[in-house]
Amino acid sequence: MKARVIVTLKNGVLDPQGKAIEGALKSFGLEGVDSVRQGKVFDIEVETSDKARAEDLIKQACEKLLANTVVENFKIEVLG
């Protein structure tokens, strides 16, 4: 089963990398860019056909390694 995990910073957490990207876009003449927040995307395959089991395995991976849950949120999309 395949899944995608999207990890983003929680609201209120400073994002210096996002600010740097925002500044770079503006320096390239892309006016109108209000704000940029950066994150991470993980495409994961697990050896199960049980959607609930896949979600559980991936949630454990997020909580233990993929996301710093103090400052980051994660969203799991099981793709099938």
N, C-alpha and C. Protein backbone atom coordinates (compact mmCIF):
# COMPACT_ATOMS: atom_id res chain seq x y z
N MET A 1 0.84 -1.17 0.00
CA MET A 1 0.00 0.00 0.00
C MET A 1 0.90 1.24 0.00
N LYS A 2 0.49 2.25 -0.75
CA LYS A 2 1.26 3.48 -0.84
C LYS A 2 0.58 4.58 -0.04
N ALA A 3 1.42 5.46 0.50
CA ALA A 3 0.89 6.59 1.26
C ALA A 3 1.80 7.80 1.07
N ARG A 4 1.25 8.95 1.32
CA ARG A 4 2.01 10.20 1.29
C ARG A 4 1.84 10.87 2.65
N VAL A 5 2.95 11.33 3.20
CA VAL A 5 2.95 12.05 4.47
C VAL A 5 3.40 13.47 4.18
N ILE A 6 2.64 14.43 4.65
CA ILE A 6 2.99 15.84 4.51
C ILE A 6 3.25 16.39 5.90
N VAL A 7 4.45 16.91 6.10
CA VAL A 7 4.86 17.46 7.39
C VAL A 7 5.03 18.97 7.23
N THR A 8 4.36 19.73 8.09
CA THR A 8 4.45 21.19 8.05
C THR A 8 4.67 21.73 9.46
N LEU A 9 5.23 22.92 9.52
CA LEU A 9 5.41 23.57 10.80
C LEU A 9 4.06 24.00 11.36
N LYS A 10 3.91 23.92 12.66
CA LYS A 10 2.68 24.38 13.30
C LYS A 10 2.57 25.89 13.17
N ASN A 11 1.33 26.38 13.19
CA ASN A 11 1.11 27.82 13.15
C ASN A 11 1.80 28.47 14.34
N GLY A 12 2.42 29.60 14.11
CA GLY A 12 3.11 30.31 15.17
C GLY A 12 4.58 29.96 15.30
N VAL A 13 5.02 28.87 14.65
CA VAL A 13 6.43 28.49 14.69
C VAL A 13 7.14 29.26 13.57
N LEU A 14 8.22 29.94 13.93
CA LEU A 14 8.97 30.69 12.93
C LEU A 14 9.52 29.76 11.86
N ASP A 15 9.52 30.24 10.61
CA ASP A 15 9.99 29.45 9.48
C ASP A 15 11.02 30.27 8.69
N PRO A 16 12.27 30.29 9.17
CA PRO A 16 13.28 31.09 8.48
C PRO A 16 13.55 30.62 7.05
N GLN A 17 13.44 29.33 6.80
CA GLN A 17 13.65 28.84 5.43
C GLN A 17 12.52 29.32 4.51
N GLY A 18 11.30 29.30 5.00
CA GLY A 18 10.18 29.83 4.23
C GLY A 18 10.35 31.31 3.94
N LYS A 19 10.83 32.07 4.93
CA LYS A 19 11.07 33.51 4.73
C LYS A 19 12.15 33.73 3.67
N ALA A 20 13.20 32.91 3.70
CA ALA A 20 14.27 33.04 2.71
C ALA A 20 13.75 32.73 1.30
N ILE A 21 12.90 31.72 1.18
CA ILE A 21 12.31 31.39 -0.12
C ILE A 21 11.42 32.53 -0.59
N GLU A 22 10.63 33.07 0.32
CA GLU A 22 9.77 34.21 -0.01
C GLU A 22 10.59 35.37 -0.54
N GLY A 23 11.68 35.70 0.15
CA GLY A 23 12.55 36.79 -0.29
C GLY A 23 13.17 36.51 -1.64
N ALA A 24 13.59 35.27 -1.88
CA ALA A 24 14.19 34.92 -3.16
C ALA A 24 13.18 35.05 -4.30
N LEU A 25 11.95 34.59 -4.07
CA LEU A 25 10.92 34.71 -5.10
C LEU A 25 10.68 36.17 -5.45
N LYS A 26 10.62 37.02 -4.43
CA LYS A 26 10.42 38.45 -4.68
C LYS A 26 11.61 39.05 -5.42
N SER A 27 12.83 38.59 -5.11
CA SER A 27 14.01 39.12 -5.80
C SER A 27 14.03 38.69 -7.26
N PHE A 28 13.32 37.61 -7.61
CA PHE A 28 13.20 37.18 -9.00
C PHE A 28 12.07 37.92 -9.72
N GLY A 29 11.46 38.87 -9.04
CA GLY A 29 10.40 39.66 -9.65
C GLY A 29 9.02 39.05 -9.53
N LEU A 30 8.85 38.06 -8.71
CA LEU A 30 7.53 37.44 -8.53
C LEU A 30 6.78 38.19 -7.43
N GLU A 31 6.26 39.34 -7.81
CA GLU A 31 5.51 40.16 -6.86
C GLU A 31 4.15 39.53 -6.60
N GLY A 32 3.61 39.80 -5.44
CA GLY A 32 2.32 39.25 -5.07
C GLY A 32 2.43 38.03 -4.18
N VAL A 33 3.65 37.54 -3.96
CA VAL A 33 3.84 36.41 -3.05
C VAL A 33 3.72 36.96 -1.64
N ASP A 34 2.72 36.53 -0.92
CA ASP A 34 2.44 37.04 0.42
C ASP A 34 3.28 36.35 1.49
N SER A 35 3.32 35.03 1.42
CA SER A 35 3.96 34.26 2.48
C SER A 35 4.34 32.90 1.95
N VAL A 36 5.45 32.36 2.44
CA VAL A 36 5.87 31.00 2.08
C VAL A 36 6.17 30.25 3.37
N ARG A 37 5.64 29.06 3.49
CA ARG A 37 5.96 28.14 4.58
C ARG A 37 6.45 26.86 3.92
N GLN A 38 7.57 26.36 4.34
CA GLN A 38 8.11 25.15 3.73
C GLN A 38 7.80 23.94 4.59
N GLY A 39 7.85 22.78 3.96
CA GLY A 39 7.58 21.53 4.67
C GLY A 39 8.30 20.38 4.02
N LYS A 40 7.85 19.18 4.36
CA LYS A 40 8.46 17.96 3.81
C LYS A 40 7.36 17.04 3.32
N VAL A 41 7.68 16.27 2.27
CA VAL A 41 6.75 15.25 1.75
C VAL A 41 7.49 13.93 1.69
N PHE A 42 6.85 12.88 2.20
CA PHE A 42 7.40 11.53 2.17
C PHE A 42 6.42 10.63 1.44
N ASP A 43 6.89 9.91 0.43
CA ASP A 43 6.09 8.87 -0.23
C ASP A 43 6.59 7.54 0.32
N ILE A 44 5.68 6.78 0.90
CA ILE A 44 6.04 5.57 1.62
C ILE A 44 5.21 4.39 1.11
N GLU A 45 5.86 3.24 0.98
CA GLU A 45 5.15 2.01 0.66
C GLU A 45 5.29 1.06 1.85
N VAL A 46 4.18 0.47 2.26
CA VAL A 46 4.19 -0.51 3.35
C VAL A 46 3.63 -1.82 2.84
N GLU A 47 4.09 -2.91 3.43
CA GLU A 47 3.69 -4.24 2.99
C GLU A 47 2.44 -4.71 3.72
N THR A 48 1.34 -4.11 3.36
CA THR A 48 0.04 -4.54 3.87
C THR A 48 -1.03 -4.09 2.90
N SER A 49 -2.14 -4.81 2.86
CA SER A 49 -3.27 -4.38 2.04
C SER A 49 -4.39 -3.84 2.92
N ASP A 50 -4.16 -3.81 4.23
CA ASP A 50 -5.13 -3.31 5.21
C ASP A 50 -4.88 -1.82 5.44
N LYS A 51 -5.83 -1.00 5.01
CA LYS A 51 -5.68 0.45 5.09
C LYS A 51 -5.45 0.92 6.52
N ALA A 52 -6.19 0.38 7.47
CA ALA A 52 -6.04 0.79 8.88
C ALA A 52 -4.65 0.44 9.39
N ARG A 53 -4.16 -0.73 9.02
CA ARG A 53 -2.80 -1.14 9.43
C ARG A 53 -1.75 -0.22 8.82
N ALA A 54 -1.93 0.12 7.54
CA ALA A 54 -1.00 1.03 6.87
C ALA A 54 -0.96 2.38 7.58
N GLU A 55 -2.14 2.92 7.89
CA GLU A 55 -2.21 4.21 8.59
C GLU A 55 -1.52 4.13 9.95
N ASP A 56 -1.72 3.04 10.66
CA ASP A 56 -1.10 2.88 11.97
C ASP A 56 0.42 2.82 11.87
N LEU A 57 0.94 2.04 10.91
CA LEU A 57 2.39 1.95 10.73
C LEU A 57 2.99 3.31 10.39
N ILE A 58 2.33 4.02 9.49
CA ILE A 58 2.86 5.31 9.06
C ILE A 58 2.75 6.35 10.17
N LYS A 59 1.67 6.30 10.95
CA LYS A 59 1.54 7.21 12.08
C LYS A 59 2.68 7.00 13.07
N GLN A 60 3.01 5.73 13.34
CA GLN A 60 4.13 5.43 14.23
C GLN A 60 5.44 6.00 13.67
N ALA A 61 5.64 5.85 12.36
CA ALA A 61 6.85 6.38 11.73
C ALA A 61 6.92 7.89 11.88
N CYS A 62 5.79 8.56 11.73
CA CYS A 62 5.75 10.02 11.87
C CYS A 62 6.09 10.44 13.30
N GLU A 63 5.46 9.78 14.26
CA GLU A 63 5.65 10.15 15.66
C GLU A 63 7.06 9.85 16.15
N LYS A 64 7.68 8.81 15.60
CA LYS A 64 9.01 8.41 16.07
C LYS A 64 10.15 9.07 15.30
N LEU A 65 9.94 9.42 14.02
CA LEU A 65 11.06 9.87 13.22
C LEU A 65 10.76 11.00 12.23
N LEU A 66 9.69 10.89 11.49
CA LEU A 66 9.49 11.79 10.36
C LEU A 66 9.08 13.21 10.75
N ALA A 67 8.42 13.37 11.89
CA ALA A 67 7.97 14.69 12.31
C ALA A 67 8.39 14.96 13.75
N ASN A 68 8.78 16.18 14.00
CA ASN A 68 9.03 16.64 15.37
C ASN A 68 7.70 17.19 15.86
N THR A 69 6.94 16.38 16.57
CA THR A 69 5.56 16.75 16.92
C THR A 69 5.46 17.93 17.88
N VAL A 70 6.58 18.39 18.40
CA VAL A 70 6.55 19.59 19.24
C VAL A 70 6.29 20.82 18.36
N VAL A 71 6.89 20.85 17.17
CA VAL A 71 6.79 22.03 16.31
C VAL A 71 6.19 21.74 14.94
N GLU A 72 5.90 20.47 14.64
CA GLU A 72 5.39 20.11 13.32
C GLU A 72 4.09 19.32 13.41
N ASN A 73 3.24 19.51 12.40
CA ASN A 73 2.05 18.69 12.19
C ASN A 73 2.34 17.74 11.05
N PHE A 74 1.61 16.63 11.01
CA PHE A 74 1.71 15.74 9.86
C PHE A 74 0.34 15.29 9.43
N LYS A 75 0.23 15.03 8.12
CA LYS A 75 -1.03 14.55 7.54
C LYS A 75 -0.70 13.32 6.71
N ILE A 76 -1.45 12.26 6.90
CA ILE A 76 -1.24 11.00 6.19
C ILE A 76 -2.34 10.81 5.16
N GLU A 77 -1.94 10.53 3.92
CA GLU A 77 -2.90 10.23 2.85
C GLU A 77 -2.57 8.83 2.34
N VAL A 78 -3.41 7.86 2.65
CA VAL A 78 -3.20 6.51 2.13
C VAL A 78 -3.77 6.48 0.70
N LEU A 79 -2.90 6.15 -0.24
CA LEU A 79 -3.27 6.23 -1.66
C LEU A 79 -3.75 4.91 -2.23
N GLY A 80 -3.52 3.83 -1.51
CA GLY A 80 -3.98 2.53 -1.97
C GLY A 80 -2.88 1.65 -2.46
